[in-house]
Amino acid sequence: MARVTVEDCIEKVPNRFGLVLLAGHRARNIANGAALTLDRDNDKNPVVALRELADETVVPEELRENIITTLQRVDERTEAEDEAEVVALLAEPQHMNMAEAELIRALQSDRDGGQEERY
């Protein structure tokens, strides 16, 4: 394929916005050292990514799943760890004088990563 066009790729990925996301993600993977599935032919990474999509040497669904996986935030903590932390916090003397509402707000703030201001 001498020149890749949007029309070549849009047959494989019907949504143009999705095509841009997939090609951009693939181009970043190539820049980070991912193996090429076809010859570079002196093309830059975005063009190589589009050519791979047009030639179907990469699977769009696998790229889509990879994008989703990299964007997900996974909380590795278990309920037992959360409960142990709550028990430890309740055992601290500074929490003994707090009002129940303040304690709940502080615990929720800790759980949410400190998004809410604590008083």
PDB file of N, CA and C in Angstrom:
ATOM      1  N   MET A   1       0.855  -1.159   0.000  1.00  0.00           N
ATOM      2  CA  MET A   1       0.000   0.000   0.000  1.00  0.00           C
ATOM      3  C   MET A   1       0.906   1.228   0.000  1.00  0.00           C
ATOM      4  N   ALA A   2       0.839   1.985  -1.039  1.00  0.00           N
ATOM      5  CA  ALA A   2       1.705   3.147  -1.164  1.00  0.00           C
ATOM      6  C   ALA A   2       1.219   4.304  -0.308  1.00  0.00           C
ATOM      7  N   ARG A   3      -0.062   4.540  -0.274  1.00  0.00           N
ATOM      8  CA  ARG A   3      -0.594   5.669   0.486  1.00  0.00           C
ATOM      9  C   ARG A   3      -1.866   5.212   1.181  1.00  0.00           C
ATOM     10  N   VAL A   4      -1.934   5.493   2.458  1.00  0.00           N
ATOM     11  CA  VAL A   4      -3.116   5.132   3.227  1.00  0.00           C
ATOM     12  C   VAL A   4      -4.043   6.345   3.272  1.00  0.00           C
ATOM     13  N   THR A   5      -5.317   6.092   3.108  1.00  0.00           N
ATOM     14  CA  THR A   5      -6.298   7.170   3.179  1.00  0.00           C
ATOM     15  C   THR A   5      -7.319   6.835   4.260  1.00  0.00           C
ATOM     16  N   VAL A   6      -8.070   7.841   4.647  1.00  0.00           N
ATOM     17  CA  VAL A   6      -9.112   7.628   5.641  1.00  0.00           C
ATOM     18  C   VAL A   6     -10.140   6.643   5.108  1.00  0.00           C
ATOM     19  N   GLU A   7     -10.406   6.704   3.808  1.00  0.00           N
ATOM     20  CA  GLU A   7     -11.383   5.792   3.214  1.00  0.00           C
ATOM     21  C   GLU A   7     -10.950   4.329   3.340  1.00  0.00           C
ATOM     22  N   ASP A   8      -9.642   4.074   3.252  1.00  0.00           N
ATOM     23  CA  ASP A   8      -9.137   2.711   3.432  1.00  0.00           C
ATOM     24  C   ASP A   8      -9.406   2.222   4.850  1.00  0.00           C
ATOM     25  N   CYS A   9      -9.244   3.119   5.825  1.00  0.00           N
ATOM     26  CA  CYS A   9      -9.380   2.740   7.225  1.00  0.00           C
ATOM     27  C   CYS A   9     -10.832   2.737   7.685  1.00  0.00           C
ATOM     28  N   ILE A  10     -11.654   3.611   7.113  1.00  0.00           N
ATOM     29  CA  ILE A  10     -13.027   3.757   7.576  1.00  0.00           C
ATOM     30  C   ILE A  10     -13.848   2.501   7.268  1.00  0.00           C
ATOM     31  N   GLU A  11     -13.392   1.712   6.319  1.00  0.00           N
ATOM     32  CA  GLU A  11     -14.055   0.436   6.034  1.00  0.00           C
ATOM     33  C   GLU A  11     -13.850  -0.543   7.192  1.00  0.00           C
ATOM     34  N   LYS A  12     -12.740  -0.419   7.871  1.00  0.00           N
ATOM     35  CA  LYS A  12     -12.421  -1.324   8.983  1.00  0.00           C
ATOM     36  C   LYS A  12     -12.951  -0.798  10.311  1.00  0.00           C
ATOM     37  N   VAL A  13     -12.896   0.545  10.495  1.00  0.00           N
ATOM     38  CA  VAL A  13     -13.389   1.197  11.710  1.00  0.00           C
ATOM     39  C   VAL A  13     -14.365   2.277  11.245  1.00  0.00           C
ATOM     40  N   PRO A  14     -15.664   2.005  11.312  1.00  0.00           N
ATOM     41  CA  PRO A  14     -16.644   2.907  10.704  1.00  0.00           C
ATOM     42  C   PRO A  14     -16.760   4.290  11.347  1.00  0.00           C
ATOM     43  N   ASN A  15     -16.384   4.438  12.589  1.00  0.00           N
ATOM     44  CA  ASN A  15     -16.496   5.721  13.274  1.00  0.00           C
ATOM     45  C   ASN A  15     -15.163   6.459  13.158  1.00  0.00           C
ATOM     46  N   ARG A  16     -15.170   7.655  12.577  1.00  0.00           N
ATOM     47  CA  ARG A  16     -13.923   8.399  12.369  1.00  0.00           C
ATOM     48  C   ARG A  16     -13.256   8.780  13.690  1.00  0.00           C
ATOM     49  N   PHE A  17     -14.057   9.141  14.683  1.00  0.00           N
ATOM     50  CA  PHE A  17     -13.495   9.465  15.994  1.00  0.00           C
ATOM     51  C   PHE A  17     -12.818   8.230  16.586  1.00  0.00           C
ATOM     52  N   GLY A  18     -13.484   7.084  16.492  1.00  0.00           N
ATOM     53  CA  GLY A  18     -12.890   5.838  16.973  1.00  0.00           C
ATOM     54  C   GLY A  18     -11.618   5.499  16.225  1.00  0.00           C
ATOM     55  N   LEU A  19     -11.608   5.780  14.930  1.00  0.00           N
ATOM     56  CA  LEU A  19     -10.411   5.534  14.122  1.00  0.00           C
ATOM     57  C   LEU A  19      -9.233   6.368  14.622  1.00  0.00           C
ATOM     58  N   VAL A  20      -9.501   7.633  14.933  1.00  0.00           N
ATOM     59  CA  VAL A  20      -8.438   8.507  15.442  1.00  0.00           C
ATOM     60  C   VAL A  20      -7.926   7.981  16.774  1.00  0.00           C
ATOM     61  N   LEU A  21      -8.840   7.566  17.661  1.00  0.00           N
ATOM     62  CA  LEU A  21      -8.415   7.028  18.957  1.00  0.00           C
ATOM     63  C   LEU A  21      -7.568   5.773  18.794  1.00  0.00           C
ATOM     64  N   LEU A  22      -8.025   4.860  17.954  1.00  0.00           N
ATOM     65  CA  LEU A  22      -7.290   3.605  17.764  1.00  0.00           C
ATOM     66  C   LEU A  22      -5.926   3.849  17.131  1.00  0.00           C
ATOM     67  N   ALA A  23      -5.885   4.661  16.080  1.00  0.00           N
ATOM     68  CA  ALA A  23      -4.616   4.922  15.398  1.00  0.00           C
ATOM     69  C   ALA A  23      -3.657   5.673  16.317  1.00  0.00           C
ATOM     70  N   GLY A  24      -4.170   6.631  17.075  1.00  0.00           N
ATOM     71  CA  GLY A  24      -3.308   7.360  18.002  1.00  0.00           C
ATOM     72  C   GLY A  24      -2.737   6.462  19.076  1.00  0.00           C
ATOM     73  N   HIS A  25      -3.583   5.576  19.610  1.00  0.00           N
ATOM     74  CA  HIS A  25      -3.115   4.640  20.643  1.00  0.00           C
ATOM     75  C   HIS A  25      -2.054   3.694  20.071  1.00  0.00           C
ATOM     76  N   ARG A  26      -2.311   3.198  18.867  1.00  0.00           N
ATOM     77  CA  ARG A  26      -1.352   2.292  18.228  1.00  0.00           C
ATOM     78  C   ARG A  26      -0.042   3.021  17.939  1.00  0.00           C
ATOM     79  N   ALA A  27      -0.122   4.275  17.500  1.00  0.00           N
ATOM     80  CA  ALA A  27       1.089   5.052  17.209  1.00  0.00           C
ATOM     81  C   ALA A  27       1.909   5.266  18.482  1.00  0.00           C
ATOM     82  N   ARG A  28       1.230   5.526  19.604  1.00  0.00           N
ATOM     83  CA  ARG A  28       1.956   5.672  20.880  1.00  0.00           C
ATOM     84  C   ARG A  28       2.600   4.352  21.286  1.00  0.00           C
ATOM     85  N   ASN A  29       1.889   3.243  21.057  1.00  0.00           N
ATOM     86  CA  ASN A  29       2.483   1.936  21.369  1.00  0.00           C
ATOM     87  C   ASN A  29       3.738   1.699  20.535  1.00  0.00           C
ATOM     88  N   ILE A  30       3.671   2.059  19.260  1.00  0.00           N
ATOM     89  CA  ILE A  30       4.839   1.894  18.384  1.00  0.00           C
ATOM     90  C   ILE A  30       5.985   2.761  18.897  1.00  0.00           C
ATOM     91  N   ALA A  31       5.677   3.999  19.291  1.00  0.00           N
ATOM     92  CA  ALA A  31       6.713   4.895  19.805  1.00  0.00           C
ATOM     93  C   ALA A  31       7.337   4.354  21.082  1.00  0.00           C
ATOM     94  N   ASN A  32       6.549   3.585  21.849  1.00  0.00           N
ATOM     95  CA  ASN A  32       7.059   2.999  23.093  1.00  0.00           C
ATOM     96  C   ASN A  32       7.715   1.646  22.884  1.00  0.00           C
ATOM     97  N   GLY A  33       7.865   1.223  21.628  1.00  0.00           N
ATOM     98  CA  GLY A  33       8.628   0.014  21.355  1.00  0.00           C
ATOM     99  C   GLY A  33       7.826  -1.202  20.950  1.00  0.00           C
ATOM    100  N   ALA A  34       6.527  -1.063  20.679  1.00  0.00           N
ATOM    101  CA  ALA A  34       5.733  -2.212  20.235  1.00  0.00           C
ATOM    102  C   ALA A  34       6.223  -2.670  18.861  1.00  0.00           C
ATOM    103  N   ALA A  35       6.131  -3.965  18.637  1.00  0.00           N
ATOM    104  CA  ALA A  35       6.582  -4.527  17.368  1.00  0.00           C
ATOM    105  C   ALA A  35       5.651  -4.109  16.232  1.00  0.00           C
ATOM    106  N   LEU A  36       6.253  -3.798  15.093  1.00  0.00           N
ATOM    107  CA  LEU A  36       5.475  -3.442  13.904  1.00  0.00           C
ATOM    108  C   LEU A  36       4.937  -4.704  13.241  1.00  0.00           C
ATOM    109  N   THR A  37       3.769  -4.616  12.665  1.00  0.00           N
ATOM    110  CA  THR A  37       3.184  -5.774  11.991  1.00  0.00           C
ATOM    111  C   THR A  37       3.365  -5.698  10.485  1.00  0.00           C
ATOM    112  N   LEU A  38       3.971  -4.624   9.989  1.00  0.00           N
ATOM    113  CA  LEU A  38       4.320  -4.498   8.572  1.00  0.00           C
ATOM    114  C   LEU A  38       5.543  -3.600   8.448  1.00  0.00           C
ATOM    115  N   ASP A  39       6.107  -3.511   7.244  1.00  0.00           N
ATOM    116  CA  ASP A  39       7.313  -2.711   7.050  1.00  0.00           C
ATOM    117  C   ASP A  39       7.019  -1.228   7.231  1.00  0.00           C
ATOM    118  N   ARG A  40       7.976  -0.518   7.822  1.00  0.00           N
ATOM    119  CA  ARG A  40       7.803   0.908   8.096  1.00  0.00           C
ATOM    120  C   ARG A  40       7.797   1.729   6.812  1.00  0.00           C
ATOM    121  N   ASP A  41       8.608   1.391   5.828  1.00  0.00           N
ATOM    122  CA  ASP A  41       8.708   2.127   4.557  1.00  0.00           C
ATOM    123  C   ASP A  41       8.946   3.619   4.763  1.00  0.00           C
ATOM    124  N   ASN A  42       9.771   3.969   5.734  1.00  0.00           N
ATOM    125  CA  ASN A  42      10.139   5.353   6.026  1.00  0.00           C
ATOM    126  C   ASN A  42       8.938   6.220   6.436  1.00  0.00           C
ATOM    127  N   ASP A  43       7.881   5.596   6.954  1.00  0.00           N
ATOM    128  CA  ASP A  43       6.697   6.324   7.417  1.00  0.00           C
ATOM    129  C   ASP A  43       6.806   6.607   8.908  1.00  0.00           C
ATOM    130  N   LYS A  44       6.126   7.645   9.334  1.00  0.00           N
ATOM    131  CA  LYS A  44       6.081   7.970  10.756  1.00  0.00           C
ATOM    132  C   LYS A  44       5.050   7.082  11.444  1.00  0.00           C
ATOM    133  N   ASN A  45       5.112   7.067  12.773  1.00  0.00           N
ATOM    134  CA  ASN A  45       4.273   6.158  13.554  1.00  0.00           C
ATOM    135  C   ASN A  45       2.770   6.285  13.273  1.00  0.00           C
ATOM    136  N   PRO A  46       2.194   7.488  13.177  1.00  0.00           N
ATOM    137  CA  PRO A  46       0.752   7.562  12.890  1.00  0.00           C
ATOM    138  C   PRO A  46       0.380   6.943  11.548  1.00  0.00           C
ATOM    139  N   VAL A  47       1.227   7.132  10.545  1.00  0.00           N
ATOM    140  CA  VAL A  47       0.949   6.551   9.227  1.00  0.00           C
ATOM    141  C   VAL A  47       1.072   5.035   9.291  1.00  0.00           C
ATOM    142  N   VAL A  48       2.074   4.552  10.001  1.00  0.00           N
ATOM    143  CA  VAL A  48       2.225   3.096  10.160  1.00  0.00           C
ATOM    144  C   VAL A  48       0.996   2.525  10.860  1.00  0.00           C
ATOM    145  N   ALA A  49       0.513   3.222  11.903  1.00  0.00           N
ATOM    146  CA  ALA A  49      -0.671   2.751  12.631  1.00  0.00           C
ATOM    147  C   ALA A  49      -1.888   2.699  11.705  1.00  0.00           C
ATOM    148  N   LEU A  50      -2.085   3.722  10.891  1.00  0.00           N
ATOM    149  CA  LEU A  50      -3.206   3.717   9.940  1.00  0.00           C
ATOM    150  C   LEU A  50      -3.059   2.620   8.898  1.00  0.00           C
ATOM    151  N   ARG A  51      -1.838   2.415   8.419  1.00  0.00           N
ATOM    152  CA  ARG A  51      -1.614   1.338   7.443  1.00  0.00           C
ATOM    153  C   ARG A  51      -1.910  -0.022   8.067  1.00  0.00           C
ATOM    154  N   GLU A  52      -1.514  -0.210   9.340  1.00  0.00           N
ATOM    155  CA  GLU A  52      -1.798  -1.479  10.021  1.00  0.00           C
ATOM    156  C   GLU A  52      -3.308  -1.694  10.141  1.00  0.00           C
ATOM    157  N   LEU A  53      -4.044  -0.635  10.453  1.00  0.00           N
ATOM    158  CA  LEU A  53      -5.501  -0.764  10.547  1.00  0.00           C
ATOM    159  C   LEU A  53      -6.114  -1.053   9.181  1.00  0.00           C
ATOM    160  N   ALA A  54      -5.646  -0.373   8.141  1.00  0.00           N
ATOM    161  CA  ALA A  54      -6.186  -0.574   6.796  1.00  0.00           C
ATOM    162  C   ALA A  54      -5.884  -1.973   6.277  1.00  0.00           C
ATOM    163  N   ASP A  55      -4.686  -2.468   6.553  1.00  0.00           N
ATOM    164  CA  ASP A  55      -4.286  -3.810   6.086  1.00  0.00           C
ATOM    165  C   ASP A  55      -4.773  -4.925   7.002  1.00  0.00           C
ATOM    166  N   GLU A  56      -5.430  -4.550   8.107  1.00  0.00           N
ATOM    167  CA  GLU A  56      -5.943  -5.503   9.094  1.00  0.00           C
ATOM    168  C   GLU A  56      -4.860  -6.381   9.688  1.00  0.00           C
ATOM    169  N   THR A  57      -3.660  -5.806   9.884  1.00  0.00           N
ATOM    170  CA  THR A  57      -2.609  -6.568  10.560  1.00  0.00           C
ATOM    171  C   THR A  57      -2.706  -6.406  12.075  1.00  0.00           C
ATOM    172  N   VAL A  58      -3.504  -5.438  12.531  1.00  0.00           N
ATOM    173  CA  VAL A  58      -3.861  -5.317  13.939  1.00  0.00           C
ATOM    174  C   VAL A  58      -5.386  -5.373  14.014  1.00  0.00           C
ATOM    175  N   VAL A  59      -5.883  -5.914  15.108  1.00  0.00           N
ATOM    176  CA  VAL A  59      -7.324  -6.076  15.280  1.00  0.00           C
ATOM    177  C   VAL A  59      -7.878  -4.864  16.034  1.00  0.00           C
ATOM    178  N   PRO A  60      -8.803  -4.128  15.417  1.00  0.00           N
ATOM    179  CA  PRO A  60      -9.343  -2.934  16.087  1.00  0.00           C
ATOM    180  C   PRO A  60      -9.966  -3.232  17.451  1.00  0.00           C
ATOM    181  N   GLU A  61     -10.622  -4.367  17.588  1.00  0.00           N
ATOM    182  CA  GLU A  61     -11.259  -4.705  18.864  1.00  0.00           C
ATOM    183  C   GLU A  61     -10.218  -4.910  19.964  1.00  0.00           C
ATOM    184  N   GLU A  62      -9.080  -5.505  19.624  1.00  0.00           N
ATOM    185  CA  GLU A  62      -8.012  -5.675  20.611  1.00  0.00           C
ATOM    186  C   GLU A  62      -7.425  -4.325  21.021  1.00  0.00           C
ATOM    187  N   LEU A  63      -7.260  -3.414  20.055  1.00  0.00           N
ATOM    188  CA  LEU A  63      -6.790  -2.067  20.384  1.00  0.00           C
ATOM    189  C   LEU A  63      -7.787  -1.354  21.285  1.00  0.00           C
ATOM    190  N   ARG A  64      -9.064  -1.504  20.982  1.00  0.00           N
ATOM    191  CA  ARG A  64     -10.112  -0.868  21.783  1.00  0.00           C
ATOM    192  C   ARG A  64     -10.067  -1.374  23.223  1.00  0.00           C
ATOM    193  N   GLU A  65      -9.926  -2.670  23.398  1.00  0.00           N
ATOM    194  CA  GLU A  65      -9.837  -3.249  24.746  1.00  0.00           C
ATOM    195  C   GLU A  65      -8.581  -2.772  25.468  1.00  0.00           C
ATOM    196  N   ASN A  66      -7.490  -2.641  24.721  1.00  0.00           N
ATOM    197  CA  ASN A  66      -6.244  -2.157  25.308  1.00  0.00           C
ATOM    198  C   ASN A  66      -6.392  -0.721  25.777  1.00  0.00           C
ATOM    199  N   ILE A  67      -7.072   0.123  24.994  1.00  0.00           N
ATOM    200  CA  ILE A  67      -7.314   1.518  25.391  1.00  0.00           C
ATOM    201  C   ILE A  67      -8.127   1.555  26.676  1.00  0.00           C
ATOM    202  N   ILE A  68      -9.190   0.762  26.723  1.00  0.00           N
ATOM    203  CA  ILE A  68     -10.057   0.733  27.901  1.00  0.00           C
ATOM    204  C   ILE A  68      -9.270   0.298  29.128  1.00  0.00           C
ATOM    205  N   THR A  69      -8.449  -0.724  28.969  1.00  0.00           N
ATOM    206  CA  THR A  69      -7.655  -1.228  30.081  1.00  0.00           C
ATOM    207  C   THR A  69      -6.681  -0.175  30.600  1.00  0.00           C
ATOM    208  N   THR A  70      -6.041   0.553  29.688  1.00  0.00           N
ATOM    209  CA  THR A  70      -5.065   1.556  30.135  1.00  0.00           C
ATOM    210  C   THR A  70      -5.737   2.757  30.782  1.00  0.00           C
ATOM    211  N   LEU A  71      -6.996   3.027  30.463  1.00  0.00           N
ATOM    212  CA  LEU A  71      -7.694   4.177  31.031  1.00  0.00           C
ATOM    213  C   LEU A  71      -8.418   3.852  32.334  1.00  0.00           C
ATOM    214  N   GLN A  72      -8.590   2.576  32.632  1.00  0.00           N
ATOM    215  CA  GLN A  72      -9.302   2.203  33.855  1.00  0.00           C
ATOM    216  C   GLN A  72      -8.434   2.423  35.078  1.00  0.00           C
ATOM    217  N   ARG A  73      -9.079   2.877  36.142  1.00  0.00           N
ATOM    218  CA  ARG A  73      -8.399   3.004  37.432  1.00  0.00           C
ATOM    219  C   ARG A  73      -8.867   1.844  38.293  1.00  0.00           C
ATOM    220  N   VAL A  74      -7.947   1.006  38.667  1.00  0.00           N
ATOM    221  CA  VAL A  74      -8.281  -0.193  39.424  1.00  0.00           C
ATOM    222  C   VAL A  74      -7.896   0.012  40.875  1.00  0.00           C
ATOM    223  N   ASP A  75      -8.850  -0.197  41.755  1.00  0.00           N
ATOM    224  CA  ASP A  75      -8.580  -0.107  43.189  1.00  0.00           C
ATOM    225  C   ASP A  75      -8.254  -1.514  43.678  1.00  0.00           C
ATOM    226  N   GLU A  76      -7.029  -1.714  44.067  1.00  0.00           N
ATOM    227  CA  GLU A  76      -6.550  -3.044  44.433  1.00  0.00           C
ATOM    228  C   GLU A  76      -6.869  -3.410  45.882  1.00  0.00           C
ATOM    229  N   ARG A  77      -7.453  -2.481  46.619  1.00  0.00           N
ATOM    230  CA  ARG A  77      -7.739  -2.738  48.024  1.00  0.00           C
ATOM    231  C   ARG A  77      -8.948  -3.655  48.149  1.00  0.00           C
ATOM    232  N   THR A  78      -8.931  -4.471  49.174  1.00  0.00           N
ATOM    233  CA  THR A  78     -10.050  -5.361  49.427  1.00  0.00           C
ATOM    234  C   THR A  78     -10.920  -4.773  50.537  1.00  0.00           C
ATOM    235  N   GLU A  79     -12.088  -5.337  50.687  1.00  0.00           N
ATOM    236  CA  GLU A  79     -12.987  -4.883  51.753  1.00  0.00           C
ATOM    237  C   GLU A  79     -12.362  -5.108  53.130  1.00  0.00           C
ATOM    238  N   ALA A  80     -11.627  -6.211  53.282  1.00  0.00           N
ATOM    239  CA  ALA A  80     -10.985  -6.494  54.574  1.00  0.00           C
ATOM    240  C   ALA A  80      -9.961  -5.418  54.910  1.00  0.00           C
ATOM    241  N   GLU A  81      -9.202  -4.964  53.913  1.00  0.00           N
ATOM    242  CA  GLU A  81      -8.224  -3.903  54.151  1.00  0.00           C
ATOM    243  C   GLU A  81      -8.926  -2.595  54.520  1.00  0.00           C
ATOM    244  N   ASP A  82     -10.031  -2.293  53.831  1.00  0.00           N
ATOM    245  CA  ASP A  82     -10.789  -1.082  54.149  1.00  0.00           C
ATOM    246  C   ASP A  82     -11.337  -1.138  55.567  1.00  0.00           C
ATOM    247  N   GLU A  83     -11.863  -2.292  55.933  1.00  0.00           N
ATOM    248  CA  GLU A  83     -12.427  -2.443  57.273  1.00  0.00           C
ATOM    249  C   GLU A  83     -11.341  -2.339  58.340  1.00  0.00           C
ATOM    250  N   ALA A  84     -10.179  -2.920  58.078  1.00  0.00           N
ATOM    251  CA  ALA A  84      -9.069  -2.839  59.024  1.00  0.00           C
ATOM    252  C   ALA A  84      -8.613  -1.392  59.194  1.00  0.00           C
ATOM    253  N   GLU A  85      -8.621  -0.634  58.118  1.00  0.00           N
ATOM    254  CA  GLU A  85      -8.234   0.773  58.209  1.00  0.00           C
ATOM    255  C   GLU A  85      -9.243   1.567  59.033  1.00  0.00           C
ATOM    256  N   VAL A  86     -10.523   1.278  58.848  1.00  0.00           N
ATOM    257  CA  VAL A  86     -11.562   1.966  59.624  1.00  0.00           C
ATOM    258  C   VAL A  86     -11.392   1.655  61.105  1.00  0.00           C
ATOM    259  N   VAL A  87     -11.148   0.394  61.436  1.00  0.00           N
ATOM    260  CA  VAL A  87     -10.963   0.005  62.833  1.00  0.00           C
ATOM    261  C   VAL A  87      -9.738   0.712  63.417  1.00  0.00           C
ATOM    262  N   ALA A  88      -8.651   0.789  62.639  1.00  0.00           N
ATOM    263  CA  ALA A  88      -7.442   1.460  63.108  1.00  0.00           C
ATOM    264  C   ALA A  88      -7.692   2.948  63.311  1.00  0.00           C
ATOM    265  N   LEU A  89      -8.451   3.557  62.408  1.00  0.00           N
ATOM    266  CA  LEU A  89      -8.761   4.980  62.558  1.00  0.00           C
ATOM    267  C   LEU A  89      -9.628   5.232  63.785  1.00  0.00           C
ATOM    268  N   LEU A  90     -10.569   4.350  64.022  1.00  0.00           N
ATOM    269  CA  LEU A  90     -11.440   4.521  65.178  1.00  0.00           C
ATOM    270  C   LEU A  90     -10.689   4.336  66.487  1.00  0.00           C
ATOM    271  N   ALA A  91      -9.613   3.568  66.454  1.00  0.00           N
ATOM    272  CA  ALA A  91      -8.836   3.328  67.667  1.00  0.00           C
ATOM    273  C   ALA A  91      -7.939   4.513  68.035  1.00  0.00           C
ATOM    274  N   GLU A  92      -7.680   5.409  67.074  1.00  0.00           N
ATOM    275  CA  GLU A  92      -6.831   6.566  67.357  1.00  0.00           C
ATOM    276  C   GLU A  92      -7.572   7.532  68.273  1.00  0.00           C
ATOM    277  N   PRO A  93      -6.899   8.085  69.285  1.00  0.00           N
ATOM    278  CA  PRO A  93      -7.565   8.948  70.268  1.00  0.00           C
ATOM    279  C   PRO A  93      -8.132  10.238  69.684  1.00  0.00           C
ATOM    280  N   GLN A  94      -7.529  10.760  68.609  1.00  0.00           N
ATOM    281  CA  GLN A  94      -8.035  12.019  68.057  1.00  0.00           C
ATOM    282  C   GLN A  94      -9.436  11.863  67.487  1.00  0.00           C
ATOM    283  N   HIS A  95      -9.810  10.643  67.102  1.00  0.00           N
ATOM    284  CA  HIS A  95     -11.144  10.409  66.546  1.00  0.00           C
ATOM    285  C   HIS A  95     -12.200  10.206  67.633  1.00  0.00           C
ATOM    286  N   MET A  96     -11.775   9.994  68.860  1.00  0.00           N
ATOM    287  CA  MET A  96     -12.729   9.757  69.934  1.00  0.00           C
ATOM    288  C   MET A  96     -13.556  11.006  70.238  1.00  0.00           C
ATOM    289  N   ASN A  97     -13.004  12.188  69.973  1.00  0.00           N
ATOM    290  CA  ASN A  97     -13.695  13.443  70.279  1.00  0.00           C
ATOM    291  C   ASN A  97     -14.439  14.016  69.074  1.00  0.00           C
ATOM    292  N   MET A  98     -14.391  13.347  67.941  1.00  0.00           N
ATOM    293  CA  MET A  98     -15.058  13.848  66.742  1.00  0.00           C
ATOM    294  C   MET A  98     -16.539  13.515  66.779  1.00  0.00           C
ATOM    295  N   ALA A  99     -17.324  14.370  66.157  1.00  0.00           N
ATOM    296  CA  ALA A  99     -18.733  14.067  65.985  1.00  0.00           C
ATOM    297  C   ALA A  99     -18.864  12.979  64.924  1.00  0.00           C
ATOM    298  N   GLU A 100     -19.926  12.240  64.977  1.00  0.00           N
ATOM    299  CA  GLU A 100     -20.122  11.121  64.052  1.00  0.00           C
ATOM    300  C   GLU A 100     -20.112  11.593  62.599  1.00  0.00           C
ATOM    301  N   ALA A 101     -20.769  12.713  62.316  1.00  0.00           N
ATOM    302  CA  ALA A 101     -20.819  13.234  60.941  1.00  0.00           C
ATOM    303  C   ALA A 101     -19.424  13.605  60.448  1.00  0.00           C
ATOM    304  N   GLU A 102     -18.610  14.198  61.320  1.00  0.00           N
ATOM    305  CA  GLU A 102     -17.241  14.559  60.935  1.00  0.00           C
ATOM    306  C   GLU A 102     -16.410  13.321  60.658  1.00  0.00           C
ATOM    307  N   LEU A 103     -16.589  12.293  61.485  1.00  0.00           N
ATOM    308  CA  LEU A 103     -15.850  11.053  61.305  1.00  0.00           C
ATOM    309  C   LEU A 103     -16.231  10.394  59.982  1.00  0.00           C
ATOM    310  N   ILE A 104     -17.513  10.361  59.684  1.00  0.00           N
ATOM    311  CA  ILE A 104     -17.965   9.751  58.429  1.00  0.00           C
ATOM    312  C   ILE A 104     -17.413  10.530  57.237  1.00  0.00           C
ATOM    313  N   ARG A 105     -17.450  11.854  57.307  1.00  0.00           N
ATOM    314  CA  ARG A 105     -16.921  12.680  56.220  1.00  0.00           C
ATOM    315  C   ARG A 105     -15.420  12.436  56.037  1.00  0.00           C
ATOM    316  N   ALA A 106     -14.681  12.314  57.141  1.00  0.00           N
ATOM    317  CA  ALA A 106     -13.236  12.066  57.060  1.00  0.00           C
ATOM    318  C   ALA A 106     -12.948  10.703  56.453  1.00  0.00           C
ATOM    319  N   LEU A 107     -13.709   9.687  56.847  1.00  0.00           N
ATOM    320  CA  LEU A 107     -13.503   8.346  56.292  1.00  0.00           C
ATOM    321  C   LEU A 107     -13.835   8.311  54.806  1.00  0.00           C
ATOM    322  N   GLN A 108     -14.924   8.983  54.410  1.00  0.00           N
ATOM    323  CA  GLN A 108     -15.285   9.015  52.991  1.00  0.00           C
ATOM    324  C   GLN A 108     -14.236   9.779  52.187  1.00  0.00           C
ATOM    325  N   SER A 109     -13.706  10.841  52.760  1.00  0.00           N
ATOM    326  CA  SER A 109     -12.673  11.610  52.078  1.00  0.00           C
ATOM    327  C   SER A 109     -11.423  10.762  51.876  1.00  0.00           C
ATOM    328  N   ASP A 110     -11.038   9.993  52.891  1.00  0.00           N
ATOM    329  CA  ASP A 110      -9.881   9.102  52.757  1.00  0.00           C
ATOM    330  C   ASP A 110     -10.139   8.040  51.695  1.00  0.00           C
ATOM    331  N   ARG A 111     -11.355   7.514  51.680  1.00  0.00           N
ATOM    332  CA  ARG A 111     -11.702   6.485  50.704  1.00  0.00           C
ATOM    333  C   ARG A 111     -11.672   7.042  49.289  1.00  0.00           C
ATOM    334  N   ASP A 112     -12.136   8.283  49.113  1.00  0.00           N
ATOM    335  CA  ASP A 112     -12.203   8.898  47.787  1.00  0.00           C
ATOM    336  C   ASP A 112     -10.898   9.535  47.359  1.00  0.00           C
ATOM    337  N   GLY A 113      -9.877   9.387  48.148  1.00  0.00           N
ATOM    338  CA  GLY A 113      -8.572   9.925  47.791  1.00  0.00           C
ATOM    339  C   GLY A 113      -8.376  11.366  48.166  1.00  0.00           C
ATOM    340  N   GLY A 114      -9.108  11.810  49.198  1.00  0.00           N
ATOM    341  CA  GLY A 114      -8.916  13.180  49.681  1.00  0.00           C
ATOM    342  C   GLY A 114      -9.574  14.226  48.811  1.00  0.00           C
ATOM    343  N   GLN A 115     -10.620  13.849  48.063  1.00  0.00           N
ATOM    344  CA  GLN A 115     -11.287  14.789  47.169  1.00  0.00           C
ATOM    345  C   GLN A 115     -12.007  15.882  47.935  1.00  0.00           C
ATOM    346  N   GLU A 116     -12.521  15.539  49.087  1.00  0.00           N
ATOM    347  CA  GLU A 116     -13.326  16.475  49.858  1.00  0.00           C
ATOM    348  C   GLU A 116     -12.465  17.085  50.968  1.00  0.00           C
ATOM    349  N   GLU A 117     -12.685  18.352  51.265  1.00  0.00           N
ATOM    350  CA  GLU A 117     -11.913  18.984  52.336  1.00  0.00           C
ATOM    351  C   GLU A 117     -12.335  18.421  53.678  1.00  0.00           C
ATOM    352  N   ARG A 118     -11.363  18.196  54.522  1.00  0.00           N
ATOM    353  CA  ARG A 118     -11.650  17.689  55.875  1.00  0.00           C
ATOM    354  C   ARG A 118     -11.608  18.839  56.851  1.00  0.00           C
ATOM    355  N   TYR A 119     -12.447  18.773  57.862  1.00  0.00           N
ATOM    356  CA  TYR A 119     -12.518  19.843  58.858  1.00  0.00           C
ATOM    357  C   TYR A 119     -11.842  19.429  60.135  1.00  0.00           C
TER     358      TYR A 119
END
